[in-house]
Amino acid sequence: NIPTEQLDELMRLLHQIVDNVQDQLER
């Protein structure tokens, strides 16, 4: 029951969260 556009946005946001955490850990 989640539209494709919202799933795409969710995936984009999750990737951003992972990138944020990875950047912080590397610093």
PDB file of all heavy atoms in Angstrom:
ATOM      1  N   ASN A   1       0.800  -1.231   0.000  1.00  0.00           N
ATOM      2  CA  ASN A   1       0.000   0.000   0.000  1.00  0.00           C
ATOM      3  C   ASN A   1       0.835   1.286   0.000  1.00  0.00           C
ATOM      4  O   ASN A   1       0.329   2.343   0.387  1.00  0.00           O
ATOM      5  CB  ASN A   1      -0.975   0.026   1.183  1.00  0.00           C
ATOM      6  CG  ASN A   1      -1.959  -1.125   1.139  1.00  0.00           C
ATOM      7  OD1 ASN A   1      -2.402  -1.537   0.069  1.00  0.00           O
ATOM      8  ND2 ASN A   1      -2.276  -1.668   2.302  1.00  0.00           N
ATOM      9  N   ILE A   2       2.082   1.210  -0.414  1.00  0.00           N
ATOM     10  CA  ILE A   2       2.909   2.417  -0.513  1.00  0.00           C
ATOM     11  C   ILE A   2       3.155   2.682  -1.994  1.00  0.00           C
ATOM     12  O   ILE A   2       3.717   1.842  -2.689  1.00  0.00           O
ATOM     13  CB  ILE A   2       4.250   2.255   0.240  1.00  0.00           C
ATOM     14  CG1 ILE A   2       3.991   1.943   1.717  1.00  0.00           C
ATOM     15  CG2 ILE A   2       5.089   3.521   0.093  1.00  0.00           C
ATOM     16  CD1 ILE A   2       5.252   1.663   2.518  1.00  0.00           C
ATOM     17  N   PRO A   3       2.748   3.841  -2.475  1.00  0.00           N
ATOM     18  CA  PRO A   3       2.938   4.176  -3.893  1.00  0.00           C
ATOM     19  C   PRO A   3       4.422   4.208  -4.282  1.00  0.00           C
ATOM     20  O   PRO A   3       5.293   4.515  -3.457  1.00  0.00           O
ATOM     21  CB  PRO A   3       2.322   5.574  -4.034  1.00  0.00           C
ATOM     22  CG  PRO A   3       1.442   5.737  -2.847  1.00  0.00           C
ATOM     23  CD  PRO A   3       2.028   4.898  -1.760  1.00  0.00           C
ATOM     24  N   THR A   4       4.689   3.911  -5.540  1.00  0.00           N
ATOM     25  CA  THR A   4       6.053   3.846  -6.063  1.00  0.00           C
ATOM     26  C   THR A   4       6.838   5.121  -5.788  1.00  0.00           C
ATOM     27  O   THR A   4       8.002   5.058  -5.392  1.00  0.00           O
ATOM     28  CB  THR A   4       6.022   3.559  -7.575  1.00  0.00           C
ATOM     29  OG1 THR A   4       5.299   2.357  -7.798  1.00  0.00           O
ATOM     30  CG2 THR A   4       7.421   3.426  -8.141  1.00  0.00           C
ATOM     31  N   GLU A   5       6.203   6.287  -5.976  1.00  0.00           N
ATOM     32  CA  GLU A   5       6.921   7.551  -5.764  1.00  0.00           C
ATOM     33  C   GLU A   5       7.388   7.674  -4.316  1.00  0.00           C
ATOM     34  O   GLU A   5       8.488   8.158  -4.041  1.00  0.00           O
ATOM     35  CB  GLU A   5       6.034   8.779  -6.073  1.00  0.00           C
ATOM     36  CG  GLU A   5       5.197   8.738  -7.325  1.00  0.00           C
ATOM     37  CD  GLU A   5       3.930   7.890  -7.172  1.00  0.00           C
ATOM     38  OE1 GLU A   5       3.072   8.127  -6.295  1.00  0.00           O
ATOM     39  OE2 GLU A   5       3.808   6.956  -7.990  1.00  0.00           O
ATOM     40  N   GLN A   6       6.543   7.253  -3.392  1.00  0.00           N
ATOM     41  CA  GLN A   6       6.912   7.333  -1.982  1.00  0.00           C
ATOM     42  C   GLN A   6       8.013   6.321  -1.646  1.00  0.00           C
ATOM     43  O   GLN A   6       8.895   6.610  -0.839  1.00  0.00           O
ATOM     44  CB  GLN A   6       5.692   7.121  -1.094  1.00  0.00           C
ATOM     45  CG  GLN A   6       4.736   8.291  -1.137  1.00  0.00           C
ATOM     46  CD  GLN A   6       3.527   8.093  -0.241  1.00  0.00           C
ATOM     47  OE1 GLN A   6       3.160   6.963   0.093  1.00  0.00           O
ATOM     48  NE2 GLN A   6       2.893   9.190   0.141  1.00  0.00           N
ATOM     49  N   LEU A   7       7.965   5.148  -2.266  1.00  0.00           N
ATOM     50  CA  LEU A   7       9.030   4.164  -2.051  1.00  0.00           C
ATOM     51  C   LEU A   7      10.357   4.684  -2.577  1.00  0.00           C
ATOM     52  O   LEU A   7      11.395   4.506  -1.935  1.00  0.00           O
ATOM     53  CB  LEU A   7       8.680   2.831  -2.720  1.00  0.00           C
ATOM     54  CG  LEU A   7       7.634   1.990  -2.026  1.00  0.00           C
ATOM     55  CD1 LEU A   7       7.292   0.768  -2.868  1.00  0.00           C
ATOM     56  CD2 LEU A   7       8.100   1.576  -0.650  1.00  0.00           C
ATOM     57  N   ASP A   8      10.314   5.327  -3.741  1.00  0.00           N
ATOM     58  CA  ASP A   8      11.542   5.912  -4.296  1.00  0.00           C
ATOM     59  C   ASP A   8      12.111   6.958  -3.347  1.00  0.00           C
ATOM     60  O   ASP A   8      13.320   7.010  -3.116  1.00  0.00           O
ATOM     61  CB  ASP A   8      11.269   6.531  -5.672  1.00  0.00           C
ATOM     62  CG  ASP A   8      10.957   5.501  -6.744  1.00  0.00           C
ATOM     63  OD1 ASP A   8      11.238   4.302  -6.524  1.00  0.00           O
ATOM     64  OD2 ASP A   8      10.428   5.896  -7.803  1.00  0.00           O
ATOM     65  N   GLU A   9      11.251   7.787  -2.805  1.00  0.00           N
ATOM     66  CA  GLU A   9      11.690   8.824  -1.860  1.00  0.00           C
ATOM     67  C   GLU A   9      12.228   8.192  -0.571  1.00  0.00           C
ATOM     68  O   GLU A   9      13.235   8.631  -0.023  1.00  0.00           O
ATOM     69  CB  GLU A   9      10.541   9.797  -1.557  1.00  0.00           C
ATOM     70  CG  GLU A   9      10.897  10.898  -0.587  1.00  0.00           C
ATOM     71  CD  GLU A   9      11.953  11.879  -1.094  1.00  0.00           C
ATOM     72  OE1 GLU A   9      12.394  11.779  -2.255  1.00  0.00           O
ATOM     73  OE2 GLU A   9      12.354  12.748  -0.304  1.00  0.00           O
ATOM     74  N   LEU A  10      11.563   7.161  -0.101  1.00  0.00           N
ATOM     75  CA  LEU A  10      12.035   6.456   1.099  1.00  0.00           C
ATOM     76  C   LEU A  10      13.435   5.897   0.876  1.00  0.00           C
ATOM     77  O   LEU A  10      14.319   6.046   1.729  1.00  0.00           O
ATOM     78  CB  LEU A  10      11.064   5.327   1.471  1.00  0.00           C
ATOM     79  CG  LEU A  10      11.508   4.411   2.610  1.00  0.00           C
ATOM     80  CD1 LEU A  10      11.663   5.183   3.908  1.00  0.00           C
ATOM     81  CD2 LEU A  10      10.531   3.266   2.760  1.00  0.00           C
ATOM     82  N   MET A  11      13.644   5.272  -0.268  1.00  0.00           N
ATOM     83  CA  MET A  11      14.972   4.711  -0.568  1.00  0.00           C
ATOM     84  C   MET A  11      16.024   5.812  -0.647  1.00  0.00           C
ATOM     85  O   MET A  11      17.136   5.672  -0.135  1.00  0.00           O
ATOM     86  CB  MET A  11      14.936   3.903  -1.861  1.00  0.00           C
ATOM     87  CG  MET A  11      14.099   2.639  -1.762  1.00  0.00           C
ATOM     88  SD  MET A  11      14.595   1.538  -0.412  1.00  0.00           S
ATOM     89  CE  MET A  11      16.190   1.028  -0.994  1.00  0.00           C
ATOM     90  N   ARG A  12      15.666   6.922  -1.262  1.00  0.00           N
ATOM     91  CA  ARG A  12      16.594   8.052  -1.346  1.00  0.00           C
ATOM     92  C   ARG A  12      16.965   8.538   0.057  1.00  0.00           C
ATOM     93  O   ARG A  12      18.135   8.757   0.375  1.00  0.00           O
ATOM     94  CB  ARG A  12      15.981   9.193  -2.159  1.00  0.00           C
ATOM     95  CG  ARG A  12      16.960  10.337  -2.435  1.00  0.00           C
ATOM     96  CD  ARG A  12      16.271  11.560  -3.007  1.00  0.00           C
ATOM     97  NE  ARG A  12      15.416  12.249  -2.045  1.00  0.00           N
ATOM     98  CZ  ARG A  12      15.868  12.985  -1.012  1.00  0.00           C
ATOM     99  NH1 ARG A  12      17.151  13.104  -0.795  1.00  0.00           N
ATOM    100  NH2 ARG A  12      15.021  13.589  -0.197  1.00  0.00           N
ATOM    101  N   LEU A  13      15.966   8.670   0.917  1.00  0.00           N
ATOM    102  CA  LEU A  13      16.211   9.143   2.282  1.00  0.00           C
ATOM    103  C   LEU A  13      17.036   8.147   3.098  1.00  0.00           C
ATOM    104  O   LEU A  13      17.935   8.543   3.847  1.00  0.00           O
ATOM    105  CB  LEU A  13      14.879   9.434   2.979  1.00  0.00           C
ATOM    106  CG  LEU A  13      14.097  10.626   2.434  1.00  0.00           C
ATOM    107  CD1 LEU A  13      12.692  10.648   3.007  1.00  0.00           C
ATOM    108  CD2 LEU A  13      14.834  11.928   2.709  1.00  0.00           C
ATOM    109  N   LEU A  14      16.745   6.876   2.943  1.00  0.00           N
ATOM    110  CA  LEU A  14      17.532   5.862   3.666  1.00  0.00           C
ATOM    111  C   LEU A  14      18.989   5.873   3.215  1.00  0.00           C
ATOM    112  O   LEU A  14      19.906   5.762   4.040  1.00  0.00           O
ATOM    113  CB  LEU A  14      16.907   4.474   3.492  1.00  0.00           C
ATOM    114  CG  LEU A  14      15.604   4.248   4.245  1.00  0.00           C
ATOM    115  CD1 LEU A  14      14.977   2.917   3.829  1.00  0.00           C
ATOM    116  CD2 LEU A  14      15.816   4.286   5.745  1.00  0.00           C
ATOM    117  N   HIS A  15      19.210   6.028   1.914  1.00  0.00           N
ATOM    118  CA  HIS A  15      20.586   6.135   1.417  1.00  0.00           C
ATOM    119  C   HIS A  15      21.266   7.375   2.001  1.00  0.00           C
ATOM    120  O   HIS A  15      22.440   7.335   2.363  1.00  0.00           O
ATOM    121  CB  HIS A  15      20.618   6.170  -0.116  1.00  0.00           C
ATOM    122  CG  HIS A  15      20.463   4.838  -0.749  1.00  0.00           C
ATOM    123  ND1 HIS A  15      21.458   3.879  -0.728  1.00  0.00           N
ATOM    124  CD2 HIS A  15      19.425   4.280  -1.417  1.00  0.00           C
ATOM    125  CE1 HIS A  15      21.034   2.802  -1.361  1.00  0.00           C
ATOM    126  NE2 HIS A  15      19.800   3.016  -1.781  1.00  0.00           N
ATOM    127  N   GLN A  16      20.533   8.458   2.112  1.00  0.00           N
ATOM    128  CA  GLN A  16      21.091   9.685   2.686  1.00  0.00           C
ATOM    129  C   GLN A  16      21.458   9.471   4.157  1.00  0.00           C
ATOM    130  O   GLN A  16      22.512   9.913   4.609  1.00  0.00           O
ATOM    131  CB  GLN A  16      20.102  10.842   2.554  1.00  0.00           C
ATOM    132  CG  GLN A  16      20.645  12.159   3.082  1.00  0.00           C
ATOM    133  CD  GLN A  16      21.848  12.637   2.299  1.00  0.00           C
ATOM    134  OE1 GLN A  16      21.778  12.755   1.083  1.00  0.00           O
ATOM    135  NE2 GLN A  16      22.951  12.903   2.974  1.00  0.00           N
ATOM    136  N   ILE A  17      20.607   8.777   4.892  1.00  0.00           N
ATOM    137  CA  ILE A  17      20.897   8.481   6.298  1.00  0.00           C
ATOM    138  C   ILE A  17      22.169   7.640   6.410  1.00  0.00           C
ATOM    139  O   ILE A  17      23.051   7.925   7.229  1.00  0.00           O
ATOM    140  CB  ILE A  17      19.694   7.780   6.969  1.00  0.00           C
ATOM    141  CG1 ILE A  17      18.534   8.766   7.132  1.00  0.00           C
ATOM    142  CG2 ILE A  17      20.091   7.186   8.325  1.00  0.00           C
ATOM    143  CD1 ILE A  17      17.233   8.134   7.580  1.00  0.00           C
ATOM    144  N   VAL A  18      22.279   6.620   5.572  1.00  0.00           N
ATOM    145  CA  VAL A  18      23.482   5.774   5.587  1.00  0.00           C
ATOM    146  C   VAL A  18      24.723   6.604   5.271  1.00  0.00           C
ATOM    147  O   VAL A  18      25.750   6.496   5.946  1.00  0.00           O
ATOM    148  CB  VAL A  18      23.345   4.587   4.605  1.00  0.00           C
ATOM    149  CG1 VAL A  18      24.663   3.861   4.418  1.00  0.00           C
ATOM    150  CG2 VAL A  18      22.272   3.626   5.089  1.00  0.00           C
ATOM    151  N   ASP A  19      24.631   7.448   4.260  1.00  0.00           N
ATOM    152  CA  ASP A  19      25.761   8.311   3.896  1.00  0.00           C
ATOM    153  C   ASP A  19      26.132   9.252   5.034  1.00  0.00           C
ATOM    154  O   ASP A  19      27.321   9.452   5.324  1.00  0.00           O
ATOM    155  CB  ASP A  19      25.447   9.125   2.631  1.00  0.00           C
ATOM    156  CG  ASP A  19      25.362   8.264   1.380  1.00  0.00           C
ATOM    157  OD1 ASP A  19      25.816   7.094   1.408  1.00  0.00           O
ATOM    158  OD2 ASP A  19      24.829   8.760   0.364  1.00  0.00           O
ATOM    159  N   ASN A  20      25.138   9.845   5.685  1.00  0.00           N
ATOM    160  CA  ASN A  20      25.397  10.747   6.808  1.00  0.00           C
ATOM    161  C   ASN A  20      26.144  10.029   7.933  1.00  0.00           C
ATOM    162  O   ASN A  20      27.113  10.548   8.481  1.00  0.00           O
ATOM    163  CB  ASN A  20      24.087  11.313   7.379  1.00  0.00           C
ATOM    164  CG  ASN A  20      23.394  12.268   6.443  1.00  0.00           C
ATOM    165  OD1 ASN A  20      23.975  12.750   5.471  1.00  0.00           O
ATOM    166  ND2 ASN A  20      22.134  12.547   6.725  1.00  0.00           N
ATOM    167  N   VAL A  21      25.665   8.841   8.257  1.00  0.00           N
ATOM    168  CA  VAL A  21      26.294   8.078   9.334  1.00  0.00           C
ATOM    169  C   VAL A  21      27.715   7.680   8.943  1.00  0.00           C
ATOM    170  O   VAL A  21      28.648   7.801   9.741  1.00  0.00           O
ATOM    171  CB  VAL A  21      25.434   6.838   9.689  1.00  0.00           C
ATOM    172  CG1 VAL A  21      26.169   5.903  10.622  1.00  0.00           C
ATOM    173  CG2 VAL A  21      24.107   7.280  10.294  1.00  0.00           C
ATOM    174  N   GLN A  22      27.891   7.222   7.712  1.00  0.00           N
ATOM    175  CA  GLN A  22      29.218   6.821   7.245  1.00  0.00           C
ATOM    176  C   GLN A  22      30.193   7.995   7.277  1.00  0.00           C
ATOM    177  O   GLN A  22      31.322   7.857   7.732  1.00  0.00           O
ATOM    178  CB  GLN A  22      29.143   6.231   5.835  1.00  0.00           C
ATOM    179  CG  GLN A  22      30.452   5.654   5.344  1.00  0.00           C
ATOM    180  CD  GLN A  22      30.926   4.500   6.199  1.00  0.00           C
ATOM    181  OE1 GLN A  22      30.149   3.684   6.670  1.00  0.00           O
ATOM    182  NE2 GLN A  22      32.226   4.429   6.425  1.00  0.00           N
ATOM    183  N   ASP A  23      29.751   9.156   6.812  1.00  0.00           N
ATOM    184  CA  ASP A  23      30.594  10.348   6.843  1.00  0.00           C
ATOM    185  C   ASP A  23      31.013  10.688   8.267  1.00  0.00           C
ATOM    186  O   ASP A  23      32.175  11.000   8.534  1.00  0.00           O
ATOM    187  CB  ASP A  23      29.859  11.554   6.236  1.00  0.00           C
ATOM    188  CG  ASP A  23      29.693  11.458   4.731  1.00  0.00           C
ATOM    189  OD1 ASP A  23      30.342  10.594   4.093  1.00  0.00           O
ATOM    190  OD2 ASP A  23      28.882  12.249   4.193  1.00  0.00           O
ATOM    191  N   GLN A  24      30.064  10.629   9.190  1.00  0.00           N
ATOM    192  CA  GLN A  24      30.358  10.944  10.586  1.00  0.00           C
ATOM    193  C   GLN A  24      31.357   9.951  11.179  1.00  0.00           C
ATOM    194  O   GLN A  24      32.287  10.339  11.878  1.00  0.00           O
ATOM    195  CB  GLN A  24      29.061  10.959  11.389  1.00  0.00           C
ATOM    196  CG  GLN A  24      29.225  11.391  12.817  1.00  0.00           C
ATOM    197  CD  GLN A  24      29.609  12.846  12.953  1.00  0.00           C
ATOM    198  OE1 GLN A  24      29.349  13.665  12.056  1.00  0.00           O
ATOM    199  NE2 GLN A  24      30.250  13.204  14.034  1.00  0.00           N
ATOM    200  N   LEU A  25      31.156   8.675  10.897  1.00  0.00           N
ATOM    201  CA  LEU A  25      32.059   7.650  11.436  1.00  0.00           C
ATOM    202  C   LEU A  25      33.482   7.828  10.874  1.00  0.00           C
ATOM    203  O   LEU A  25      34.461   7.652  11.601  1.00  0.00           O
ATOM    204  CB  LEU A  25      31.533   6.252  11.101  1.00  0.00           C
ATOM    205  CG  LEU A  25      30.272   5.831  11.859  1.00  0.00           C
ATOM    206  CD1 LEU A  25      29.757   4.498  11.329  1.00  0.00           C
ATOM    207  CD2 LEU A  25      30.522   5.758  13.354  1.00  0.00           C
ATOM    208  N   GLU A  26      33.577   8.151   9.608  1.00  0.00           N
ATOM    209  CA  GLU A  26      34.903   8.337   8.994  1.00  0.00           C
ATOM    210  C   GLU A  26      35.605   9.557   9.571  1.00  0.00           C
ATOM    211  O   GLU A  26      36.832   9.556   9.715  1.00  0.00           O
ATOM    212  CB  GLU A  26      34.772   8.448   7.478  1.00  0.00           C
ATOM    213  CG  GLU A  26      34.458   7.106   6.837  1.00  0.00           C
ATOM    214  CD  GLU A  26      34.199   7.178   5.347  1.00  0.00           C
ATOM    215  OE1 GLU A  26      34.342   8.273   4.759  1.00  0.00           O
ATOM    216  OE2 GLU A  26      33.816   6.137   4.790  1.00  0.00           O
ATOM    217  N   ARG A  27      34.869  10.585   9.931  1.00  0.00           N
ATOM    218  CA  ARG A  27      35.469  11.786  10.526  1.00  0.00           C
ATOM    219  C   ARG A  27      36.027  11.509  11.922  1.00  0.00           C
ATOM    220  O   ARG A  27      36.936  12.186  12.369  1.00  0.00           O
ATOM    221  CB  ARG A  27      34.446  12.912  10.616  1.00  0.00           C
ATOM    222  CG  ARG A  27      34.373  13.711   9.348  1.00  0.00           C
ATOM    223  CD  ARG A  27      33.561  14.985   9.545  1.00  0.00           C
ATOM    224  NE  ARG A  27      32.508  14.923   8.555  1.00  0.00           N
ATOM    225  CZ  ARG A  27      31.215  15.010   8.783  1.00  0.00           C
ATOM    226  NH1 ARG A  27      30.776  15.203   9.992  1.00  0.00           N
ATOM    227  NH2 ARG A  27      30.353  14.907   7.817  1.00  0.00           N
TER     228      ARG A  27
END
